[in-house]
Amino acid sequence: MRTSSRFICAIPLIAVAILGGCATAAPSGDAITRLQVRRDAQPRAAAVHRSLGIALYKADRIPEARAALSEAMRLDSRDGATALYLGLAAEKQGDLAAAREAYVSYLRHGRTRGVRSQLQARLATLQRRELEQAAKTAVASEATIGTSAGHPRVVAVMPFRFTGSDSSLRPLERGMAELVTTDLARSSALTVVERARMQALLNELALQQGSGDPATAVRAGRMLQAGRLVQGGILLVGAEQLRVDAAIVDVPTSAAVGGAAGDDRLGALFDLEKRLVLDLFTSLGVTLTAAERRAFDQRPTRSLAAFLSFSQGLMAEDAGDFDAARRFFDNAFRIDPGFGAAAQRAATAADIVAGEQVTTETVEAQAATGTEGQVAAAAVQGTVLATASSAEMASTLSSVVNDVNTTQSGTAAAGTTTVGGGNPNPSAPGRDPVSEGSGNDSPTTRAAKVVIVIGIPGTTPTILPAGRP
């Protein structure tokens, strides 16, 4: 089934921002003190730590808030409100990895649909920012990182350099690098640096697009802890003939230690790339298993037009224009509906565009409309709102089932609960006066089916007719 890319409109986020005034105000000092006293009295109560953490967050005491919320998460890892505010606190501290982990937890356990949509988009943006943050750290630590040699089985692939009169083929610089990266990663013997990670570092080093400075490339390889670097060029000969060269560079010594080359018609680009990578495997001393070879033989698309549009999307992505990237990826998917990588990239680019509009304030304002808003409102008042986490719901459901799963004598299975008015004598079998009067009160074994419908917030449950599964 053809699935179009996900694109989140900015209008709902603007509406949320307008509603931001409805979000809970900062708590008083007395409210926080009451929660601290209760925490000391109930050190293992996850809900208390959660409410204290939210109150501290609202008071802009972020380090303390994060500590309290981390403890709440340790005590109950399936509480949505805890995960949400832990992520918000971590993001305010600039700890993007911790924020992402907490937001992923919210997507599993959180209940407010609008918050889930915003965080889904925000995660793509955070992942991009994590790459940028890692690149800055690598550059800042270059003197230290550069002294340790990368493992020869760790490979980084640089963008190729295009030379030719047809500028419409220049995006193949990115597209070819993506194909080579994907195919080299088919081997479990190699660890291949992700193209996005490589590009983030190149951007940080201010490497001009397509310049291919060999010294800068090796420098990037060292900072990525790669032992081998693949870099090459694409030459257009005439109007339809391509020549592709790729060199394998030993990063510690900057010496070429292998490579591959080939030429073919433009229309045979994908076959040419496969031959090139097989030669690279040989130079790297790698032999593919049968399963790896089958995976390697797969092609993301057989449409050159779709691949060119995909490559344009990669160029736009590397330039930071994710809206344009989304359009190019969508076009590639339109040309070839079987081009799964294009659809995935389009969805990611759309999420990044939407995620850039999401802030901790818009997320919190959206949360105010759901269960988490009720929890936060109570926390600001210095009280604890007991909500059912996934674990608590499971326990409650088990209790309900035990209550209605009676024995044939009519006594509750747990032996401690009666149903309806109950039998005043729990040791005696329950009697139904109507069936007893008709002589049909024989204690025969009967089977019954109980359907418990738990509605998801924001949806209307469907009740099936009797007898339907």
Protein backbone atom coordinates (compact mmCIF):
# COMPACT_ATOMS: atom_id res chain seq x y z
CA MET A 1 0.00 0.00 0.00
CA ARG A 2 1.31 3.41 -0.91
CA THR A 3 1.88 5.61 2.11
CA SER A 4 2.54 9.30 1.74
CA SER A 5 4.95 11.10 4.03
CA ARG A 6 3.80 12.45 7.35
CA PHE A 7 3.59 16.24 7.51
CA ILE A 8 2.44 18.06 10.61
CA CYS A 9 0.89 21.43 9.93
CA ALA A 10 2.07 24.45 11.85
CA ILE A 11 -1.47 25.68 12.55
CA PRO A 12 -2.15 23.33 15.52
CA LEU A 13 1.15 24.40 17.09
CA ILE A 14 0.22 28.06 16.71
CA ALA A 15 -3.10 27.31 18.37
CA VAL A 16 -1.31 25.59 21.21
CA ALA A 17 0.98 28.58 21.63
CA ILE A 18 -2.06 30.84 21.90
CA LEU A 19 -3.52 28.53 24.54
CA GLY A 20 -0.24 28.60 26.42
CA GLY A 21 -1.75 31.07 28.87
CA CYS A 22 -3.95 28.24 30.12
CA ALA A 23 -0.92 26.30 31.32
CA THR A 24 -0.43 26.03 35.07
CA ALA A 25 1.37 28.87 36.82
CA ALA A 26 4.49 28.56 38.96
CA PRO A 27 3.94 26.91 42.35
CA SER A 28 4.42 28.70 45.64
CA GLY A 29 7.25 27.87 48.00
CA ASP A 30 4.74 26.37 50.40
CA ALA A 31 3.48 23.97 47.72
CA ILE A 32 7.01 22.69 47.07
CA THR A 33 7.67 22.40 50.81
CA ARG A 34 4.52 20.32 51.31
CA LEU A 35 5.59 17.98 48.52
CA GLN A 36 9.10 17.69 49.96
CA VAL A 37 7.66 16.76 53.36
CA ARG A 38 5.44 14.16 51.75
CA ARG A 39 8.40 12.79 49.73
CA ASP A 40 10.39 12.36 52.95
CA ALA A 41 7.44 10.52 54.50
CA GLN A 42 6.84 8.37 51.39
CA PRO A 43 10.26 7.88 49.77
CA ARG A 44 9.05 5.02 47.57
CA ALA A 45 5.92 6.74 46.24
CA ALA A 46 6.56 7.39 42.57
CA ALA A 47 3.62 9.79 42.25
CA VAL A 48 4.99 11.98 45.03
CA HIS A 49 8.44 12.25 43.41
CA ARG A 50 6.71 12.97 40.10
CA SER A 51 4.59 15.80 41.55
CA LEU A 52 7.59 17.28 43.33
CA GLY A 53 9.62 17.14 40.12
CA ILE A 54 6.86 18.87 38.14
CA ALA A 55 6.48 21.57 40.79
CA LEU A 56 10.24 22.19 40.77
CA TYR A 57 10.19 22.31 36.96
CA LYS A 58 7.40 24.90 37.07
CA ALA A 59 9.51 26.92 39.52
CA ASP A 60 12.42 26.79 37.04
CA ARG A 61 14.54 24.77 39.45
CA ILE A 62 15.55 22.44 36.65
CA PRO A 63 18.43 20.42 38.21
CA GLU A 64 16.31 19.61 41.28
CA ALA A 65 13.33 18.84 39.08
CA ARG A 66 15.31 16.43 36.99
CA ALA A 67 16.63 14.62 40.07
CA ALA A 68 13.12 14.17 41.46
CA LEU A 69 11.70 13.06 38.12
CA SER A 70 14.57 10.61 37.59
CA GLU A 71 13.71 9.00 40.92
CA ALA A 72 10.03 8.88 39.95
CA MET A 73 11.02 7.20 36.68
CA ARG A 74 13.14 4.67 38.57
CA LEU A 75 10.18 3.80 40.77
CA ASP A 76 7.66 3.67 37.91
CA SER A 77 9.14 3.62 34.42
CA ARG A 78 5.73 3.50 32.74
CA ASP A 79 4.25 6.79 33.87
CA GLY A 80 3.64 9.19 30.99
CA ALA A 81 3.65 12.43 32.99
CA THR A 82 6.99 11.53 34.55
CA ALA A 83 8.53 10.74 31.16
CA LEU A 84 7.21 13.97 29.65
CA TYR A 85 8.53 16.34 32.31
CA LEU A 86 11.80 14.43 32.61
CA GLY A 87 12.30 14.97 28.87
CA LEU A 88 11.41 18.66 29.14
CA ALA A 89 13.86 19.13 32.03
CA ALA A 90 16.65 17.28 30.20
CA GLU A 91 16.08 19.34 27.06
CA LYS A 92 16.26 22.58 29.03
CA GLN A 93 19.62 21.41 30.36
CA GLY A 94 20.82 20.65 26.84
CA ASP A 95 21.04 16.91 27.46
CA LEU A 96 19.50 15.92 24.13
CA ALA A 97 20.18 12.19 24.45
CA ALA A 98 18.39 12.00 27.81
CA ALA A 99 15.52 14.13 26.47
CA ARG A 100 15.13 11.82 23.49
CA GLU A 101 15.10 8.73 25.72
CA ALA A 102 12.40 10.24 27.95
CA TYR A 103 10.28 11.33 24.97
CA VAL A 104 10.46 7.83 23.50
CA SER A 105 9.18 6.53 26.84
CA TYR A 106 6.30 9.00 26.64
CA LEU A 107 5.37 7.73 23.18
CA ARG A 108 5.03 4.28 24.73
CA HIS A 109 3.11 5.28 27.85
CA GLY A 110 1.77 8.84 27.43
CA ARG A 111 -1.93 9.51 26.94
CA THR A 112 -2.35 12.91 25.30
CA ARG A 113 -2.59 12.57 21.52
CA GLY A 114 -1.48 16.13 20.77
CA VAL A 115 1.64 15.73 22.90
CA ARG A 116 2.47 12.47 21.15
CA SER A 117 2.25 14.18 17.75
CA GLN A 118 4.50 17.02 18.83
CA LEU A 119 7.09 14.71 20.40
CA GLN A 120 7.14 12.46 17.33
CA ALA A 121 8.20 15.49 15.30
CA ARG A 122 10.50 16.80 18.01
CA LEU A 123 12.46 13.54 18.14
CA ALA A 124 13.60 13.94 14.54
CA THR A 125 14.83 17.46 15.29
CA LEU A 126 16.61 16.33 18.46
CA GLN A 127 18.37 13.55 16.58
CA ARG A 128 19.65 16.08 14.06
CA ARG A 129 20.80 18.40 16.82
CA GLU A 130 22.53 15.53 18.57
CA LEU A 131 24.60 14.97 15.45
CA GLU A 132 25.50 18.65 15.33
CA GLN A 133 26.35 18.62 19.03
CA ALA A 134 28.55 15.56 18.60
CA ALA A 135 30.32 17.22 15.67
CA LYS A 136 31.07 20.31 17.76
CA THR A 137 32.41 18.10 20.55
CA ALA A 138 34.59 16.19 18.11
CA VAL A 139 36.10 19.37 16.67
CA ALA A 140 36.68 20.78 20.15
CA SER A 141 38.40 17.53 21.18
CA GLU A 142 40.34 17.07 17.95
CA ALA A 143 43.75 17.25 19.63
CA THR A 144 42.84 14.37 21.95
CA ILE A 145 40.83 12.26 19.50
CA GLY A 146 43.42 12.60 16.74
CA THR A 147 46.07 10.82 18.79
CA SER A 148 44.23 7.49 18.80
CA ALA A 149 44.04 5.55 15.55
CA GLY A 150 40.69 4.27 14.38
CA HIS A 151 40.13 0.59 13.73
CA PRO A 152 40.72 -0.43 10.09
CA ARG A 153 37.27 -2.05 10.01
CA VAL A 154 35.60 1.30 10.76
CA VAL A 155 34.88 2.98 7.42
CA ALA A 156 33.64 6.47 6.57
CA VAL A 157 32.41 7.43 3.09
CA MET A 158 32.89 10.98 1.84
CA PRO A 159 30.60 12.67 -0.70
CA PHE A 160 31.85 11.95 -4.22
CA ARG A 161 32.99 14.79 -6.51
CA PHE A 162 31.12 15.28 -9.77
CA THR A 163 32.82 16.58 -12.90
CA GLY A 164 30.87 17.17 -16.09
CA SER A 165 28.89 19.60 -18.18
CA ASP A 166 25.44 18.44 -17.03
CA SER A 167 24.90 20.13 -13.66
CA SER A 168 21.60 18.29 -13.15
CA LEU A 169 23.70 15.21 -12.33
CA ARG A 170 25.67 16.95 -9.55
CA PRO A 171 23.32 15.59 -6.83
CA LEU A 172 24.80 12.16 -7.62
CA GLU A 173 27.69 13.26 -5.38
CA ARG A 174 25.40 12.62 -2.41
CA GLY A 175 23.39 9.82 -3.96
CA MET A 176 26.44 7.72 -4.85
CA ALA A 177 27.89 8.18 -1.35
CA GLU A 178 24.56 7.04 0.11
CA LEU A 179 24.50 3.91 -2.07
CA VAL A 180 28.11 3.03 -1.22
CA THR A 181 27.52 3.62 2.50
CA THR A 182 24.41 1.42 2.48
CA ASP A 183 26.07 -1.40 0.56
CA LEU A 184 29.28 -1.42 2.62
CA ALA A 185 27.11 -1.66 5.73
CA ARG A 186 25.70 -4.95 4.42
CA SER A 187 28.82 -6.66 5.77
CA SER A 188 28.84 -7.43 9.49
CA ALA A 189 32.64 -7.30 9.32
CA LEU A 190 32.57 -3.52 8.87
CA THR A 191 31.30 -0.63 10.95
CA VAL A 192 30.28 2.11 8.53
CA VAL A 193 29.87 5.68 9.75
CA GLU A 194 26.39 7.00 9.03
CA ARG A 195 26.27 9.52 6.20
CA ALA A 196 24.35 12.02 8.36
CA ARG A 197 27.02 11.85 11.04
CA MET A 198 29.77 12.37 8.49
CA GLN A 199 27.94 15.33 6.95
CA ALA A 200 27.34 16.96 10.33
CA LEU A 201 31.07 16.90 10.96
CA LEU A 202 31.86 18.20 7.48
CA ASN A 203 29.42 21.05 8.04
CA GLU A 204 31.08 21.83 11.35
CA LEU A 205 34.44 21.90 9.64
CA ALA A 206 32.95 24.28 7.08
CA LEU A 207 33.93 22.01 4.22
CA GLN A 208 32.52 23.49 1.04
CA GLN A 209 29.97 21.29 -0.65
CA GLY A 210 31.69 19.10 -3.21
CA SER A 211 35.15 20.58 -2.64
CA GLY A 212 36.56 17.26 -1.44
CA ASP A 213 39.69 18.66 0.22
CA PRO A 214 41.70 15.48 0.93
CA ALA A 215 43.38 16.92 4.04
CA THR A 216 40.05 17.93 5.56
CA ALA A 217 38.56 14.55 4.68
CA VAL A 218 41.32 12.71 6.55
CA ARG A 219 40.94 15.12 9.43
CA ALA A 220 37.22 14.30 9.58
CA GLY A 221 38.04 10.59 9.45
CA ARG A 222 40.31 10.92 12.48
CA MET A 223 37.65 12.74 14.48
CA LEU A 224 35.12 10.05 13.57
CA GLN A 225 37.59 7.39 14.76
CA ALA A 226 37.49 5.75 11.32
CA GLY A 227 40.43 3.65 10.22
CA ARG A 228 39.56 3.78 6.51
CA LEU A 229 38.10 6.54 4.39
CA VAL A 230 36.41 6.08 1.01
CA GLN A 231 36.46 9.08 -1.28
CA GLY A 232 36.07 9.34 -5.02
CA GLY A 233 34.77 11.09 -8.07
CA ILE A 234 32.16 10.81 -10.81
CA LEU A 235 33.16 11.89 -14.30
CA LEU A 236 30.59 12.44 -17.04
CA VAL A 237 32.09 11.59 -20.42
CA GLY A 238 30.00 12.94 -23.26
CA ALA A 239 26.30 12.90 -22.54
CA GLU A 240 25.68 9.32 -21.39
CA GLN A 241 28.89 7.73 -20.13
CA LEU A 242 29.99 7.75 -16.49
CA ARG A 243 33.32 6.87 -14.92
CA VAL A 244 33.44 6.39 -11.15
CA ASP A 245 36.65 6.14 -9.14
CA ALA A 246 36.92 5.41 -5.43
CA ALA A 247 40.04 5.35 -3.27
CA ILE A 248 40.44 3.75 0.16
CA VAL A 249 42.59 5.93 2.39
CA ASP A 250 44.32 4.75 5.55
CA VAL A 251 43.32 7.50 7.97
CA PRO A 252 46.35 7.34 10.34
CA THR A 253 48.87 7.66 7.49
CA SER A 254 46.74 9.43 4.82
CA ALA A 255 48.05 6.85 2.31
CA ALA A 256 45.90 5.18 -0.34
CA VAL A 257 45.64 1.46 0.45
CA GLY A 258 43.16 0.30 -2.17
CA GLY A 259 40.35 1.36 -4.40
CA ALA A 260 38.04 0.60 -7.27
CA ALA A 261 37.02 2.10 -10.61
CA GLY A 262 34.56 1.44 -13.38
CA ASP A 263 32.62 2.99 -16.21
CA ASP A 264 29.25 2.38 -17.83
CA ARG A 265 26.25 4.09 -19.32
CA LEU A 266 24.35 6.54 -17.14
CA GLY A 267 21.34 4.24 -17.31
CA ALA A 268 23.44 1.44 -15.78
CA LEU A 269 24.41 3.53 -12.75
CA PHE A 270 23.12 1.02 -10.21
CA ASP A 271 25.00 -1.90 -11.78
CA LEU A 272 28.15 0.24 -11.90
CA GLU A 273 27.84 1.07 -8.19
CA LYS A 274 27.42 -2.61 -7.27
CA ARG A 275 30.59 -3.59 -9.14
CA LEU A 276 32.45 -0.72 -7.52
CA VAL A 277 31.48 -1.76 -3.99
CA LEU A 278 32.34 -5.42 -4.62
CA ASP A 279 35.84 -4.26 -5.59
CA LEU A 280 35.98 -2.15 -2.43
CA PHE A 281 35.09 -5.21 -0.37
CA THR A 282 37.98 -7.04 -2.00
CA SER A 283 40.39 -4.20 -1.18
CA LEU A 284 39.13 -4.17 2.41
CA GLY A 285 39.60 -7.94 2.71
CA VAL A 286 35.91 -8.59 3.27
CA THR A 287 33.98 -11.62 2.01
CA LEU A 288 30.20 -11.46 2.12
CA THR A 289 28.18 -14.35 3.48
CA ALA A 290 25.39 -15.80 1.34
CA ALA A 291 22.78 -13.86 3.32
CA GLU A 292 24.78 -10.65 3.09
CA ARG A 293 25.18 -11.10 -0.65
CA ARG A 294 21.43 -11.51 -1.08
CA ALA A 295 20.85 -8.29 0.86
CA PHE A 296 23.59 -6.57 -1.12
CA ASP A 297 21.97 -7.50 -4.44
CA GLN A 298 18.83 -5.56 -3.53
CA ARG A 299 18.33 -2.16 -5.14
CA PRO A 300 16.43 0.70 -3.49
CA THR A 301 15.00 1.69 -6.88
CA ARG A 302 15.52 0.95 -10.54
CA SER A 303 14.37 4.40 -11.65
CA LEU A 304 17.19 6.83 -12.45
CA ALA A 305 14.72 9.74 -12.35
CA ALA A 306 13.55 8.75 -8.86
CA PHE A 307 17.14 8.36 -7.68
CA LEU A 308 18.13 11.77 -9.04
CA SER A 309 15.24 13.36 -7.14
CA PHE A 310 16.29 11.39 -4.05
CA SER A 311 19.85 12.68 -4.47
CA GLN A 312 18.53 16.24 -4.73
CA GLY A 313 16.78 15.62 -1.44
CA LEU A 314 20.07 14.56 0.14
CA MET A 315 21.73 17.76 -1.10
CA ALA A 316 18.92 19.89 0.34
CA GLU A 317 19.11 17.94 3.58
CA ASP A 318 22.85 18.53 3.87
CA ALA A 319 22.25 22.23 3.25
CA GLY A 320 19.71 22.32 6.08
CA ASP A 321 16.68 22.93 3.84
CA PHE A 322 14.43 20.14 5.07
CA ASP A 323 11.26 21.49 3.51
CA ALA A 324 12.88 21.30 0.06
CA ALA A 325 14.33 17.91 0.97
CA ARG A 326 10.86 16.63 1.81
CA ARG A 327 9.53 17.75 -1.57
CA PHE A 328 12.37 16.03 -3.44
CA PHE A 329 11.95 12.80 -1.45
CA ASP A 330 8.18 12.91 -1.99
CA ASN A 331 8.76 13.34 -5.72
CA ALA A 332 11.13 10.36 -5.77
CA PHE A 333 8.46 8.28 -4.04
CA ARG A 334 5.84 9.52 -6.49
CA ILE A 335 8.00 8.45 -9.43
CA ASP A 336 8.68 5.05 -7.86
CA PRO A 337 6.09 4.02 -5.22
CA GLY A 338 8.37 1.12 -4.31
CA PHE A 339 11.20 3.43 -3.26
CA GLY A 340 10.90 2.86 0.49
CA ALA A 341 14.02 4.83 1.41
CA ALA A 342 12.54 7.92 -0.25
CA ALA A 343 9.29 7.59 1.68
CA GLN A 344 11.19 7.18 4.94
CA ARG A 345 13.39 10.19 4.26
CA ALA A 346 10.36 12.29 3.32
CA ALA A 347 8.69 11.43 6.61
CA THR A 348 11.83 12.27 8.58
CA ALA A 349 12.29 15.59 6.79
CA ALA A 350 8.64 16.47 7.43
CA ASP A 351 9.10 15.65 11.12
CA ILE A 352 12.18 17.86 11.30
CA VAL A 353 10.28 20.77 9.72
CA ALA A 354 7.42 20.33 12.18
CA GLY A 355 9.77 19.64 15.09
CA GLU A 356 11.52 22.97 14.63
CA GLN A 357 8.24 24.64 15.60
CA VAL A 358 7.92 22.55 18.75
CA THR A 359 9.35 23.95 21.98
CA THR A 360 9.19 22.90 25.61
CA GLU A 361 6.54 25.60 26.03
CA THR A 362 4.27 24.34 23.22
CA VAL A 363 4.58 20.77 24.47
CA GLU A 364 3.67 21.79 28.01
CA ALA A 365 0.75 23.88 26.77
CA GLN A 366 -0.55 20.90 24.81
CA ALA A 367 -0.08 18.65 27.85
CA ALA A 368 -2.30 21.01 29.85
CA THR A 369 -5.27 19.77 27.81
CA GLY A 370 -4.82 16.15 28.89
CA THR A 371 -4.08 13.87 31.81
CA GLU A 372 -0.61 15.30 32.33
CA GLY A 373 -2.14 18.78 32.73
CA GLN A 374 -4.27 17.54 35.60
CA VAL A 375 -1.22 16.04 37.27
CA ALA A 376 0.72 19.29 36.81
CA ALA A 377 -2.15 21.45 38.11
CA ALA A 378 -2.29 19.37 41.27
CA ALA A 379 1.50 19.53 41.68
CA VAL A 380 1.44 23.33 41.51
CA GLN A 381 -1.03 23.29 44.42
CA GLY A 382 1.27 21.04 46.41
CA THR A 383 -0.92 17.97 46.08
CA VAL A 384 -0.48 14.60 44.41
CA LEU A 385 -2.95 13.42 41.81
CA ALA A 386 -3.02 9.65 41.70
CA THR A 387 -3.17 8.49 38.09
CA ALA A 388 -3.06 4.96 36.78
CA SER A 389 0.20 4.15 35.04
CA SER A 390 0.43 1.10 32.82
CA ALA A 391 1.56 -0.99 35.80
CA GLU A 392 -1.29 0.26 37.98
CA MET A 393 -3.82 -0.34 35.20
CA ALA A 394 -2.59 -3.91 34.82
CA SER A 395 -3.00 -4.49 38.55
CA THR A 396 -6.48 -2.95 38.51
CA LEU A 397 -7.50 -5.05 35.51
CA SER A 398 -6.29 -8.20 37.27
CA SER A 399 -8.34 -7.25 40.30
CA VAL A 400 -11.45 -6.69 38.18
CA VAL A 401 -11.02 -10.04 36.47
CA ASN A 402 -10.68 -11.78 39.84
CA ASP A 403 -13.78 -10.04 41.08
CA VAL A 404 -15.93 -11.30 38.19
CA ASN A 405 -14.27 -14.70 37.70
CA THR A 406 -16.41 -16.56 40.23
CA THR A 407 -16.30 -20.23 41.11
CA GLN A 408 -19.27 -22.44 40.31
CA SER A 409 -20.55 -21.95 43.85
CA GLY A 410 -20.77 -18.23 43.23
CA THR A 411 -17.90 -17.26 45.52
CA ALA A 412 -15.30 -14.84 44.14
CA ALA A 413 -12.19 -16.64 42.91
CA ALA A 414 -10.02 -14.66 45.27
CA GLY A 415 -12.18 -15.81 48.18
CA THR A 416 -12.40 -12.32 49.67
CA THR A 417 -14.82 -10.43 47.43
CA THR A 418 -18.52 -10.84 46.88
CA VAL A 419 -20.40 -9.61 43.85
CA GLY A 420 -23.67 -7.71 43.97
CA GLY A 421 -25.24 -7.70 47.42
CA GLY A 422 -23.05 -10.68 48.27
CA ASN A 423 -23.62 -13.80 50.26
CA PRO A 424 -23.51 -13.03 53.98
CA ASN A 425 -22.06 -16.47 54.56
CA PRO A 426 -18.97 -16.81 52.37
CA SER A 427 -18.61 -20.48 53.22
CA ALA A 428 -22.00 -21.35 51.76
CA PRO A 429 -22.78 -21.42 48.04
CA GLY A 430 -24.66 -18.42 46.64
CA ARG A 431 -28.32 -19.08 45.77
CA ASP A 432 -30.44 -17.44 43.10
CA PRO A 433 -34.01 -17.36 44.47
CA VAL A 434 -35.64 -17.33 41.01
CA SER A 435 -33.78 -20.32 39.62
CA GLU A 436 -33.99 -22.09 42.98
CA GLY A 437 -37.78 -21.76 42.96
CA SER A 438 -37.96 -23.26 39.47
CA GLY A 439 -35.67 -26.10 40.37
CA ASN A 440 -32.91 -24.96 38.00
CA ASP A 441 -30.36 -23.98 40.59
CA SER A 442 -28.13 -27.00 40.10
CA PRO A 443 -24.45 -26.05 40.49
CA THR A 444 -23.32 -27.17 37.06
CA THR A 445 -20.15 -25.82 35.44
CA ARG A 446 -20.78 -22.92 33.10
CA ALA A 447 -18.51 -20.81 30.93
CA ALA A 448 -18.96 -17.11 30.34
CA LYS A 449 -17.11 -14.42 28.42
CA VAL A 450 -16.50 -11.02 29.95
CA VAL A 451 -15.43 -8.21 27.62
CA ILE A 452 -13.77 -5.22 29.28
CA VAL A 453 -13.50 -2.20 27.00
CA ILE A 454 -10.80 0.29 27.99
CA GLY A 455 -11.15 3.43 25.96
CA ILE A 456 -8.10 5.27 24.67
CA PRO A 457 -8.31 8.98 25.55
CA GLY A 458 -9.58 10.98 22.61
CA THR A 459 -11.26 7.99 20.92
CA THR A 460 -14.68 6.40 21.03
CA PRO A 461 -14.63 2.68 21.85
CA THR A 462 -16.54 0.34 19.56
CA ILE A 463 -18.87 -2.07 21.35
CA LEU A 464 -19.38 -5.23 19.34
CA PRO A 465 -22.74 -7.05 19.34
CA ALA A 466 -23.03 -10.14 21.51
CA GLY A 467 -21.38 -13.16 19.97
CA ARG A 468 -18.91 -11.13 17.88
CA PRO A 469 -15.20 -11.69 18.64
